[in-house]
């Protein structure tokens, strides 16, 4: 004779298990959909800084002590005046969101030519904060500027000699979207342009801060 109480309990347990599995699958699907929507939204806000193009108009960059630098398309500028060092880069935002530059860091290579050595990501506490807000709209051009005015600054002597001798200078820019997220470090090279007067800007490497690195 069948034990209907046992059968009923087993049926209830089985139904609960099926419902739990369906709920779990539904939650996973909803989480996946939400994550995909979030990634799509972030992609629409993501900036990407690259050197400006050859045909882009020059940028006339003014510093707070009334020093001016002219940066041609796909170019850079580096100058020493009265022991003060001025640097600038012509930039283009190749991404789909507004770029906000948060800070910068400078490196000097010990050699003047040849391939770049293995490069390590700079620490965030090494970056200097921008003295003025620099914004670059999506698909548009802009510039970065930085100066070393204090002779006691640990980087001052090395950068001054590199600029005067025409050695390559590496500038790391820390930037992100207008919400303060999606931070990224872009490393640019400033070196004399053998084809024309002045310096040329080249992008060297990117390091994402707020998401997994692609390599």
Protein backbone atom coordinates (compact mmCIF):
# COMPACT_ATOMS: atom_id res chain seq x y z
CA UNK A 1 0.00 0.00 0.00
CA UNK A 2 1.43 3.41 -0.96
CA UNK A 3 2.56 5.78 1.77
CA UNK A 4 0.82 8.93 0.49
CA UNK A 5 2.38 11.11 3.14
CA UNK A 6 5.89 10.10 1.98
CA UNK A 7 4.96 10.51 -1.67
CA UNK A 8 3.52 13.94 -0.95
CA UNK A 9 6.65 15.01 0.91
CA UNK A 10 8.90 13.79 -1.90
CA UNK A 11 6.76 15.58 -4.48
CA UNK A 12 6.90 18.79 -2.46
CA UNK A 13 10.68 18.49 -2.07
CA UNK A 14 11.08 17.82 -5.77
CA UNK A 15 8.96 20.82 -6.66
CA UNK A 16 10.95 23.01 -4.26
CA UNK A 17 14.21 21.78 -5.81
CA UNK A 18 12.97 22.52 -9.34
CA UNK A 19 11.80 25.96 -8.23
CA UNK A 20 15.18 26.64 -6.57
CA UNK A 21 17.06 25.62 -9.73
CA UNK A 22 14.80 27.80 -11.88
CA UNK A 23 15.25 30.75 -9.50
CA UNK A 24 19.03 30.30 -9.45
CA UNK A 25 19.15 30.17 -13.25
CA UNK A 26 16.93 33.23 -13.48
CA UNK A 27 19.12 35.17 -11.03
CA UNK A 28 22.28 34.19 -12.91
CA UNK A 29 20.71 35.25 -16.19
CA UNK A 30 19.56 38.55 -14.68
CA UNK A 31 23.03 39.20 -13.23
CA UNK A 32 24.62 38.40 -16.58
CA UNK A 33 22.23 40.75 -18.36
CA UNK A 34 22.88 43.50 -15.81
CA UNK A 35 26.64 43.03 -16.18
CA UNK A 36 26.38 43.20 -19.97
CA UNK A 37 24.29 46.36 -19.70
CA UNK A 38 26.87 47.87 -17.32
CA UNK A 39 29.75 47.01 -19.67
CA UNK A 40 27.83 48.51 -22.60
CA UNK A 41 27.22 51.71 -20.60
CA UNK A 42 30.87 51.95 -19.58
CA UNK A 43 32.01 51.40 -23.17
CA UNK A 44 29.91 54.40 -24.14
CA UNK A 45 31.73 56.53 -21.56
CA UNK A 46 35.25 55.21 -22.12
CA UNK A 47 37.89 57.69 -23.36
CA UNK A 48 41.10 56.72 -25.14
CA UNK A 49 43.94 59.22 -25.40
CA UNK A 50 46.24 58.99 -28.43
CA UNK A 51 48.60 61.47 -30.09
CA UNK A 52 46.94 64.05 -32.30
CA UNK A 53 47.07 63.58 -36.08
CA UNK A 54 49.54 65.19 -38.46
CA UNK A 55 46.76 67.28 -40.02
CA UNK A 56 45.38 68.52 -36.70
CA UNK A 57 45.94 72.25 -36.12
CA UNK A 58 48.71 73.25 -33.69
CA UNK A 59 47.85 73.91 -30.06
CA UNK A 60 49.11 77.06 -28.36
CA UNK A 61 49.57 76.12 -24.71
CA UNK A 62 49.85 78.79 -22.03
CA UNK A 63 51.38 78.20 -18.59
CA UNK A 64 50.57 80.11 -15.41
CA UNK A 65 53.79 82.15 -15.54
CA UNK A 66 52.88 83.39 -19.04
CA UNK A 67 55.14 80.98 -20.94
CA UNK A 68 53.73 79.69 -24.23
CA UNK A 69 54.49 76.47 -26.13
CA UNK A 70 53.26 75.61 -29.62
CA UNK A 71 52.48 71.94 -30.21
CA UNK A 72 52.03 70.78 -33.84
CA UNK A 73 49.82 67.89 -34.92
CA UNK A 74 51.20 64.52 -33.75
CA UNK A 75 53.77 66.55 -31.87
CA UNK A 76 55.01 67.56 -28.46
CA UNK A 77 57.02 70.40 -26.98
CA UNK A 78 59.75 70.44 -24.36
CA UNK A 79 61.57 73.59 -23.34
CA UNK A 80 63.83 74.88 -20.56
CA UNK A 81 63.60 78.56 -19.66
CA UNK A 82 65.57 80.01 -16.75
CA UNK A 83 65.92 76.52 -15.29
CA UNK A 84 62.16 75.93 -15.45
CA UNK A 85 61.04 72.95 -17.54
CA UNK A 86 57.88 73.04 -19.65
CA UNK A 87 56.34 70.02 -21.36
CA UNK A 88 53.27 69.65 -23.57
CA UNK A 89 51.62 66.99 -25.74
CA UNK A 90 49.11 67.23 -28.56
CA UNK A 91 46.33 64.73 -27.88
CA UNK A 92 43.25 63.28 -29.52
CA UNK A 93 40.47 61.37 -27.78
CA UNK A 94 39.83 58.26 -29.86
CA UNK A 95 37.24 56.91 -27.41
CA UNK A 96 33.53 57.52 -27.02
CA UNK A 97 33.55 59.40 -23.71
CA UNK A 98 34.93 62.65 -22.34
CA UNK A 99 38.52 62.28 -21.10
CA UNK A 100 39.59 63.96 -17.86
CA UNK A 101 43.33 64.04 -17.12
CA UNK A 102 44.03 63.55 -13.40
CA UNK A 103 47.81 63.63 -13.20
CA UNK A 104 51.18 62.91 -14.78
CA UNK A 105 54.47 61.17 -14.16
CA UNK A 106 57.78 61.51 -16.01
CA UNK A 107 60.51 58.97 -16.79
CA UNK A 108 63.87 59.36 -18.53
CA UNK A 109 65.49 56.60 -20.57
CA UNK A 110 69.18 56.01 -20.04
CA UNK A 111 69.76 55.38 -23.74
CA UNK A 112 68.95 57.69 -26.63
CA UNK A 113 68.03 55.18 -29.33
CA UNK A 114 67.03 51.58 -29.86
CA UNK A 115 64.02 49.65 -28.60
CA UNK A 116 62.33 50.59 -25.37
CA UNK A 117 63.23 48.35 -22.41
CA UNK A 118 60.70 46.31 -20.47
CA UNK A 119 58.45 48.85 -18.80
CA UNK A 120 56.78 48.66 -15.41
CA UNK A 121 53.51 50.31 -14.56
CA UNK A 122 54.12 53.40 -12.41
CA UNK A 123 52.53 53.50 -8.97
CA UNK A 124 49.56 55.84 -8.54
CA UNK A 125 51.25 57.71 -5.69
CA UNK A 126 54.04 58.73 -8.10
CA UNK A 127 51.71 60.91 -10.18
CA UNK A 128 51.70 64.68 -9.94
CA UNK A 129 48.29 66.30 -9.78
CA UNK A 130 47.31 68.63 -12.62
CA UNK A 131 47.31 72.29 -11.64
CA UNK A 132 44.36 72.88 -13.97
CA UNK A 133 41.57 70.61 -15.18
CA UNK A 134 42.20 69.29 -18.69
CA UNK A 135 39.26 67.84 -20.61
CA UNK A 136 39.30 66.32 -24.10
CA UNK A 137 35.92 65.63 -25.77
CA UNK A 138 35.30 62.34 -27.56
CA UNK A 139 36.58 62.43 -31.14
CA UNK A 140 38.20 65.83 -30.63
CA UNK A 141 41.67 67.21 -29.95
CA UNK A 142 43.26 68.78 -26.92
CA UNK A 143 46.55 68.93 -25.09
CA UNK A 144 48.38 68.06 -21.91
CA UNK A 145 50.81 70.38 -20.13
CA UNK A 146 53.13 70.02 -17.17
CA UNK A 147 56.03 71.96 -15.67
CA UNK A 148 58.91 71.42 -13.25
CA UNK A 149 59.89 74.70 -11.67
CA UNK A 150 61.57 73.62 -8.43
CA UNK A 151 65.27 72.80 -8.85
CA UNK A 152 65.13 70.63 -5.71
CA UNK A 153 62.54 68.35 -7.32
CA UNK A 154 64.09 64.84 -7.68
CA UNK A 155 63.10 64.72 -11.36
CA UNK A 156 64.19 68.24 -12.23
CA UNK A 157 67.86 67.64 -13.04
CA UNK A 158 67.32 64.48 -15.10
CA UNK A 159 64.48 65.98 -17.13
CA UNK A 160 66.36 69.24 -17.71
CA UNK A 161 69.41 67.43 -19.06
CA UNK A 162 67.26 65.14 -21.22
CA UNK A 163 65.44 68.09 -22.78
CA UNK A 164 68.67 69.99 -23.41
CA UNK A 165 70.41 66.96 -24.93
CA UNK A 166 67.43 65.82 -27.00
CA UNK A 167 67.02 62.50 -25.16
CA UNK A 168 63.72 60.70 -25.07
CA UNK A 169 61.32 61.64 -22.25
CA UNK A 170 58.46 59.37 -21.23
CA UNK A 171 55.32 61.00 -19.86
CA UNK A 172 52.63 58.89 -18.18
CA UNK A 173 49.14 60.41 -18.10
CA UNK A 174 46.55 59.19 -15.61
CA UNK A 175 43.07 59.86 -16.97
CA UNK A 176 39.51 58.58 -16.80
CA UNK A 177 35.92 59.30 -17.76
CA UNK A 178 33.92 62.30 -16.52
CA UNK A 179 32.44 60.20 -13.70
CA UNK A 180 35.90 59.63 -12.24
CA UNK A 181 36.01 55.96 -13.23
CA UNK A 182 37.63 53.81 -15.93
CA UNK A 183 41.02 55.20 -15.00
CA UNK A 184 43.88 54.37 -17.32
CA UNK A 185 47.56 55.20 -17.64
CA UNK A 186 48.83 56.08 -21.10
CA UNK A 187 52.59 56.30 -21.63
CA UNK A 188 53.77 58.77 -24.28
CA UNK A 189 57.24 59.28 -25.68
CA UNK A 190 58.56 62.78 -26.37
CA UNK A 191 61.59 62.74 -28.66
CA UNK A 192 63.13 65.00 -31.34
CA UNK A 193 61.47 64.54 -34.73
CA UNK A 194 64.19 63.80 -37.35
CA UNK A 195 61.82 64.86 -40.14
CA UNK A 196 61.07 68.35 -38.87
CA UNK A 197 61.91 70.87 -36.19
CA UNK A 198 60.54 70.15 -32.73
CA UNK A 199 59.47 67.03 -30.87
CA UNK A 200 57.20 64.16 -31.83
CA UNK A 201 54.72 62.35 -29.59
CA UNK A 202 54.22 58.59 -29.75
CA UNK A 203 52.05 56.42 -27.54
CA UNK A 204 53.97 53.53 -25.99
CA UNK A 205 51.72 51.58 -23.63
CA UNK A 206 48.40 51.55 -21.77
CA UNK A 207 47.70 50.23 -18.28
CA UNK A 208 44.04 50.00 -17.12
CA UNK A 209 43.53 50.74 -13.42
CA UNK A 210 39.86 49.93 -12.75
CA UNK A 211 39.52 46.79 -14.89
CA UNK A 212 41.53 43.72 -15.79
CA UNK A 213 44.56 44.26 -18.02
CA UNK A 214 44.22 42.83 -21.55
CA UNK A 215 47.67 41.21 -21.28
